[in-house]
C-alpha atoms as a PDB file:
ATOM      1  CA  MET A   1     -36.849 102.771-170.411  1.00  0.00           C
ATOM      2  CA  LYS A   2     -39.633 104.535-168.478  1.00  0.00           C
ATOM      3  CA  LEU A   3     -40.318 101.406-166.420  1.00  0.00           C
ATOM      4  CA  ASN A   4     -36.608 101.169-165.555  1.00  0.00           C
ATOM      5  CA  ARG A   5     -36.662 104.769-164.297  1.00  0.00           C
ATOM      6  CA  ILE A   6     -39.801 104.144-162.252  1.00  0.00           C
ATOM      7  CA  ILE A   7     -38.266 101.042-160.681  1.00  0.00           C
ATOM      8  CA  THR A   8     -35.027 102.911-159.943  1.00  0.00           C
ATOM      9  CA  LEU A   9     -36.955 105.814-158.416  1.00  0.00           C
ATOM     10  CA  GLY A  10     -38.958 103.410-156.264  1.00  0.00           C
ATOM     11  CA  ALA A  11     -35.808 101.622-155.120  1.00  0.00           C
ATOM     12  CA  MET A  12     -34.131 104.936-154.265  1.00  0.00           C
ATOM     13  CA  ALA A  13     -37.165 106.110-152.310  1.00  0.00           C
ATOM     14  CA  ALA A  14     -37.311 102.825-150.410  1.00  0.00           C
ATOM     15  CA  SER A  15     -33.609 102.876-149.579  1.00  0.00           C
ATOM     16  CA  LEU A  16     -33.804 106.494-148.448  1.00  0.00           C
ATOM     17  CA  ALA A  17     -36.806 105.690-146.267  1.00  0.00           C
ATOM     18  CA  ILE A  18     -35.109 102.631-144.764  1.00  0.00           C
ATOM     19  CA  GLY A  19     -31.888 104.562-144.154  1.00  0.00           C
ATOM     20  CA  ALA A  20     -33.731 107.468-142.571  1.00  0.00           C
ATOM     21  CA  THR A  21     -35.767 105.107-140.401  1.00  0.00           C
ATOM     22  CA  SER A  22     -32.677 103.325-139.101  1.00  0.00           C
ATOM     23  CA  LEU A  23     -30.993 106.650-138.377  1.00  0.00           C
ATOM     24  CA  LEU A  24     -34.012 107.969-136.520  1.00  0.00           C
ATOM     25  CA  ALA A  25     -34.314 104.753-134.528  1.00  0.00           C
ATOM     26  CA  GLN A  26     -30.758 105.001-133.209  1.00  0.00           C
ATOM     27  CA  ASP A  27     -30.140 105.836-129.577  1.00  0.00           C
ATOM     28  CA  ASN A  28     -27.474 108.505-129.412  1.00  0.00           C
ATOM     29  CA  GLY A  29     -26.329 107.306-126.003  1.00  0.00           C
ATOM     30  CA  ASN A  30     -28.343 110.022-124.296  1.00  0.00           C
ATOM     31  CA  ASN A  31     -30.869 107.705-122.709  1.00  0.00           C
ATOM     32  CA  ASN A  32     -31.071 109.177-119.244  1.00  0.00           C
ATOM     33  CA  GLY A  33     -34.267 107.391-118.349  1.00  0.00           C
ATOM     34  CA  GLY A  34     -34.418 104.104-116.516  1.00  0.00           C
ATOM     35  CA  PRO A  35     -35.462 100.764-117.935  1.00  0.00           C
ATOM     36  CA  GLY A  36     -37.387 101.259-121.129  1.00  0.00           C
ATOM     37  CA  GLY A  37     -36.530 104.941-120.733  1.00  0.00           C
ATOM     38  CA  GLY A  38     -36.201 107.285-123.612  1.00  0.00           C
ATOM     39  CA  GLN A  39     -36.582 110.531-121.764  1.00  0.00           C
ATOM     40  CA  GLY A  40     -33.154 111.666-122.952  1.00  0.00           C
ATOM     41  CA  ARG A  41     -33.425 110.155-126.421  1.00  0.00           C
ATOM     42  CA  GLN A  42     -32.994 112.643-129.228  1.00  0.00           C
ATOM     43  CA  ARG A  43     -35.229 111.641-132.078  1.00  0.00           C
ATOM     44  CA  GLY A  44     -35.442 113.496-135.331  1.00  0.00           C
ATOM     45  CA  ASN A  45     -31.784 114.545-135.469  1.00  0.00           C
ATOM     46  CA  TRP A  46     -31.416 113.292-139.028  1.00  0.00           C
ATOM     47  CA  ASP A  47     -27.914 113.801-140.360  1.00  0.00           C
ATOM     48  CA  PRO A  48     -27.773 113.675-144.181  1.00  0.00           C
ATOM     49  CA  ALA A  49     -23.961 113.481-144.148  1.00  0.00           C
ATOM     50  CA  GLN A  50     -24.083 110.403-141.917  1.00  0.00           C
ATOM     51  CA  MET A  51     -26.691 108.783-144.158  1.00  0.00           C
ATOM     52  CA  GLN A  52     -24.632 109.546-147.258  1.00  0.00           C
ATOM     53  CA  GLN A  53     -21.530 108.051-145.633  1.00  0.00           C
ATOM     54  CA  ARG A  54     -23.484 104.891-144.819  1.00  0.00           C
ATOM     55  CA  MET A  55     -24.612 104.665-148.418  1.00  0.00           C
ATOM     56  CA  LEU A  56     -21.023 105.081-149.653  1.00  0.00           C
ATOM     57  CA  ASP A  57     -19.811 102.451-147.186  1.00  0.00           C
ATOM     58  CA  ARG A  58     -22.467 100.061-148.477  1.00  0.00           C
ATOM     59  CA  VAL A  59     -21.465 100.722-152.096  1.00  0.00           C
ATOM     60  CA  GLN A  60     -17.795 100.143-151.217  1.00  0.00           C
ATOM     61  CA  GLU A  61     -18.694  96.823-149.594  1.00  0.00           C
ATOM     62  CA  GLN A  62     -21.045  95.736-152.389  1.00  0.00           C
ATOM     63  CA  LEU A  63     -18.501  96.551-155.100  1.00  0.00           C
ATOM     64  CA  GLY A  64     -15.839  94.616-153.209  1.00  0.00           C
ATOM     65  CA  PHE A  65     -13.347  97.413-152.607  1.00  0.00           C
ATOM     66  CA  THR A  66     -11.167  96.336-149.686  1.00  0.00           C
ATOM     67  CA  ASN A  67      -8.134  98.414-150.655  1.00  0.00           C
ATOM     68  CA  ASP A  68      -8.607 102.002-149.465  1.00  0.00           C
ATOM     69  CA  THR A  69      -6.327 103.348-152.195  1.00  0.00           C
ATOM     70  CA  ASP A  70      -8.500 101.802-154.924  1.00  0.00           C
ATOM     71  CA  TRP A  71     -11.700 102.928-153.209  1.00  0.00           C
ATOM     72  CA  ASP A  72     -10.365 106.471-152.793  1.00  0.00           C
ATOM     73  CA  ALA A  73      -9.934 106.624-156.573  1.00  0.00           C
ATOM     74  CA  VAL A  74     -13.453 105.327-157.276  1.00  0.00           C
ATOM     75  CA  LYS A  75     -15.338 107.037-154.440  1.00  0.00           C
ATOM     76  CA  PRO A  76     -15.521 110.498-156.137  1.00  0.00           C
ATOM     77  CA  LEU A  77     -16.997 108.856-159.245  1.00  0.00           C
ATOM     78  CA  VAL A  78     -19.626 107.070-157.139  1.00  0.00           C
ATOM     79  CA  GLN A  79     -20.349 110.343-155.329  1.00  0.00           C
ATOM     80  CA  LYS A  80     -20.718 112.143-158.654  1.00  0.00           C
ATOM     81  CA  VAL A  81     -23.273 109.549-159.815  1.00  0.00           C
ATOM     82  CA  MET A  82     -25.182 109.790-156.535  1.00  0.00           C
ATOM     83  CA  ASP A  83     -25.252 113.596-156.716  1.00  0.00           C
ATOM     84  CA  ALA A  84     -26.331 113.601-160.367  1.00  0.00           C
ATOM     85  CA  ARG A  85     -29.055 111.021-159.666  1.00  0.00           C
ATOM     86  CA  ARG A  86     -30.317 113.154-156.760  1.00  0.00           C
ATOM     87  CA  ASP A  87     -30.403 116.193-159.059  1.00  0.00           C
ATOM     88  CA  VAL A  88     -32.373 114.319-161.723  1.00  0.00           C
ATOM     89  CA  PHE A  89     -34.935 112.937-159.311  1.00  0.00           C
ATOM     90  CA  SER A  90     -35.121 115.825-156.823  1.00  0.00           C
ATOM     91  CA  GLY A  91     -38.141 117.497-158.358  1.00  0.00           C
ATOM     92  CA  GLN A  92     -39.950 114.259-159.048  1.00  0.00           C
ATOM     93  CA  MET A  93     -39.414 112.906-155.535  1.00  0.00           C
ATOM     94  CA  ARG A  94     -40.288 116.256-153.979  1.00  0.00           C
ATOM     95  CA  GLY A  95     -43.554 116.222-155.886  1.00  0.00           C
ATOM     96  CA  MET A  96     -44.331 112.588-155.082  1.00  0.00           C
ATOM     97  CA  PHE A  97     -43.838 113.076-151.367  1.00  0.00           C
ATOM     98  CA  GLY A  98     -45.514 116.476-151.147  1.00  0.00           C
ATOM     99  CA  GLY A  99     -42.365 118.406-150.298  1.00  0.00           C
ATOM    100  CA  GLY A 100     -42.565 121.056-152.975  1.00  0.00           C
ATOM    101  CA  ARG A 101     -43.100 124.778-152.715  1.00  0.00           C
ATOM    102  CA  ASN A 102     -45.905 125.737-150.309  1.00  0.00           C
ATOM    103  CA  ARG A 103     -46.482 122.109-149.399  1.00  0.00           C
ATOM    104  CA  GLY A 104     -44.775 121.809-146.046  1.00  0.00           C
ATOM    105  CA  GLY A 105     -41.272 121.209-147.330  1.00  0.00           C
ATOM    106  CA  GLY A 106     -40.425 118.152-145.253  1.00  0.00           C
ATOM    107  CA  GLN A 107     -36.754 117.692-144.370  1.00  0.00           C
ATOM    108  CA  GLY A 108     -35.013 120.969-145.026  1.00  0.00           C
ATOM    109  CA  GLY A 109     -38.095 122.517-146.582  1.00  0.00           C
ATOM    110  CA  PRO A 110     -38.107 123.941-150.081  1.00  0.00           C
ATOM    111  CA  GLY A 111     -34.677 124.258-151.558  1.00  0.00           C
ATOM    112  CA  GLY A 112     -32.808 121.800-149.407  1.00  0.00           C
ATOM    113  CA  GLY A 113     -32.694 118.595-147.431  1.00  0.00           C
ATOM    114  CA  MET A 114     -32.431 115.074-148.714  1.00  0.00           C
ATOM    115  CA  MET A 115     -34.369 115.796-151.887  1.00  0.00           C
ATOM    116  CA  GLY A 116     -31.771 118.225-153.215  1.00  0.00           C
ATOM    117  CA  GLN A 117     -32.149 121.822-154.307  1.00  0.00           C
ATOM    118  CA  THR A 118     -35.292 123.145-155.932  1.00  0.00           C
ATOM    119  CA  SER A 119     -34.390 124.815-159.207  1.00  0.00           C
ATOM    120  CA  PRO A 120     -35.644 128.292-160.117  1.00  0.00           C
ATOM    121  CA  GLU A 121     -37.314 126.686-163.159  1.00  0.00           C
ATOM    122  CA  GLN A 122     -39.196 124.268-160.926  1.00  0.00           C
ATOM    123  CA  GLU A 123     -40.181 127.063-158.527  1.00  0.00           C
ATOM    124  CA  ALA A 124     -41.449 129.226-161.409  1.00  0.00           C
ATOM    125  CA  LEU A 125     -43.445 126.357-162.905  1.00  0.00           C
ATOM    126  CA  GLN A 126     -44.996 125.452-159.545  1.00  0.00           C
ATOM    127  CA  LYS A 127     -45.887 129.100-158.902  1.00  0.00           C
ATOM    128  CA  ALA A 128     -47.524 129.373-162.334  1.00  0.00           C
ATOM    129  CA  ILE A 129     -49.562 126.235-161.634  1.00  0.00           C
ATOM    130  CA  ASP A 130     -50.555 127.466-158.153  1.00  0.00           C
ATOM    131  CA  ASP A 131     -51.533 130.871-159.545  1.00  0.00           C
ATOM    132  CA  ASN A 132     -53.565 129.385-162.432  1.00  0.00           C
ATOM    133  CA  ALA A 133     -51.352 131.197-164.947  1.00  0.00           C
ATOM    134  CA  PRO A 134     -52.340 131.282-168.620  1.00  0.00           C
ATOM    135  CA  THR A 135     -51.732 128.095-170.583  1.00  0.00           C
ATOM    136  CA  ALA A 136     -49.066 129.711-172.771  1.00  0.00           C
ATOM    137  CA  GLN A 137     -47.041 130.734-169.706  1.00  0.00           C
ATOM    138  CA  ILE A 138     -47.292 127.256-168.180  1.00  0.00           C
ATOM    139  CA  LYS A 139     -46.236 125.660-171.477  1.00  0.00           C
ATOM    140  CA  SER A 140     -43.234 127.980-171.715  1.00  0.00           C
ATOM    141  CA  LEU A 141     -42.139 127.293-168.133  1.00  0.00           C
ATOM    142  CA  LEU A 142     -42.676 123.573-168.611  1.00  0.00           C
ATOM    143  CA  ALA A 143     -40.439 123.629-171.695  1.00  0.00           C
ATOM    144  CA  LYS A 144     -37.691 125.348-169.657  1.00  0.00           C
ATOM    145  CA  TYR A 145     -38.052 122.811-166.847  1.00  0.00           C
ATOM    146  CA  LYS A 146     -37.940 119.883-169.298  1.00  0.00           C
ATOM    147  CA  ALA A 147     -34.768 121.311-170.872  1.00  0.00           C
ATOM    148  CA  LEU A 148     -33.188 121.556-167.433  1.00  0.00           C
ATOM    149  CA  GLN A 149     -34.160 117.953-166.658  1.00  0.00           C
ATOM    150  CA  LYS A 150     -32.621 116.801-169.963  1.00  0.00           C
ATOM    151  CA  THR A 151     -29.365 118.538-169.023  1.00  0.00           C
ATOM    152  CA  LYS A 152     -29.420 116.892-165.594  1.00  0.00           C
ATOM    153  CA  GLN A 153     -30.078 113.509-167.226  1.00  0.00           C
ATOM    154  CA  ALA A 154     -27.125 114.024-169.590  1.00  0.00           C
ATOM    155  CA  ASN A 155     -24.915 114.858-166.581  1.00  0.00           C
ATOM    156  CA  LEU A 156     -26.067 111.666-164.864  1.00  0.00           C
ATOM    157  CA  GLU A 157     -25.325 109.573-167.934  1.00  0.00           C
ATOM    158  CA  ALA A 158     -21.842 111.114-168.224  1.00  0.00           C
ATOM    159  CA  ALA A 159     -21.145 110.401-164.535  1.00  0.00           C
ATOM    160  CA  GLN A 160     -22.341 106.817-164.982  1.00  0.00           C
ATOM    161  CA  ALA A 161     -20.088 106.353-168.016  1.00  0.00           C
ATOM    162  CA  ASP A 162     -17.101 107.663-166.040  1.00  0.00           C
ATOM    163  CA  LEU A 163     -17.852 105.217-163.224  1.00  0.00           C
ATOM    164  CA  LYS A 164     -18.343 102.246-165.561  1.00  0.00           C
ATOM    165  CA  ALA A 165     -14.984 102.991-167.207  1.00  0.00           C
ATOM    166  CA  VAL A 166     -13.108 102.149-163.981  1.00  0.00           C
ATOM    167  CA  LEU A 167     -15.123  99.116-162.846  1.00  0.00           C
ATOM    168  CA  ASN A 168     -14.467  95.515-163.777  1.00  0.00           C
ATOM    169  CA  SER A 169     -17.347  93.401-165.143  1.00  0.00           C
ATOM    170  CA  LYS A 170     -18.387  92.030-161.758  1.00  0.00           C
ATOM    171  CA  GLN A 171     -18.337  95.499-160.162  1.00  0.00           C
ATOM    172  CA  GLU A 172     -20.288  96.970-163.076  1.00  0.00           C
ATOM    173  CA  ALA A 173     -22.940  94.270-162.689  1.00  0.00           C
ATOM    174  CA  GLN A 174     -23.176  94.992-158.969  1.00  0.00           C
ATOM    175  CA  ALA A 175     -23.324  98.740-159.635  1.00  0.00           C
ATOM    176  CA  TYR A 176     -26.192  98.060-162.022  1.00  0.00           C
ATOM    177  CA  LEU A 177     -28.018  96.076-159.343  1.00  0.00           C
ATOM    178  CA  LEU A 178     -27.446  98.941-156.897  1.00  0.00           C
ATOM    179  CA  GLY A 179     -28.956 101.378-159.388  1.00  0.00           C
ATOM    180  CA  LEU A 180     -25.745 103.348-159.842  1.00  0.00           C
ATOM    181  CA  VAL A 181     -25.381 102.683-163.564  1.00  0.00           C
ATOM    182  CA  ASN A 182     -27.672 101.785-166.459  1.00  0.00           C
END
């Protein structure tokens, strides 16, 4: 089970990196320079909503939804899974990529951006670690953070069950390969 989570986390990180790279590499049509120009190119204007829409479009295509009415019924369930997955992995990914509290923040800084919101429990635990708090305090804060993560995991599993309930076998298999369901 742990290996499956690690693989899923790695796949999510890779897809986010690839998606962000392709978005950053786009020319917004503002290339005012001559041949090979780039003087007017606006790099770094990362739009999370645009990236999310691309991800949803890819899921729609991969699951084989060609009828907009059917997709409109399933799309909120897919979105719910994506949001719940982001919530579960936000702290772990933030820590892996050095975007936590007092660590530069990255996109959106602490509390926002593509990694999701930083929870007060996570902030308190990180502060206790940074401040070399007593072991008992760190253990207590860690227990609160673990409880929060368990709740987030339960929400993810519920969202995945709701999504699986409306997919046919082929779509469920594809959703599994996409990392949407377990």
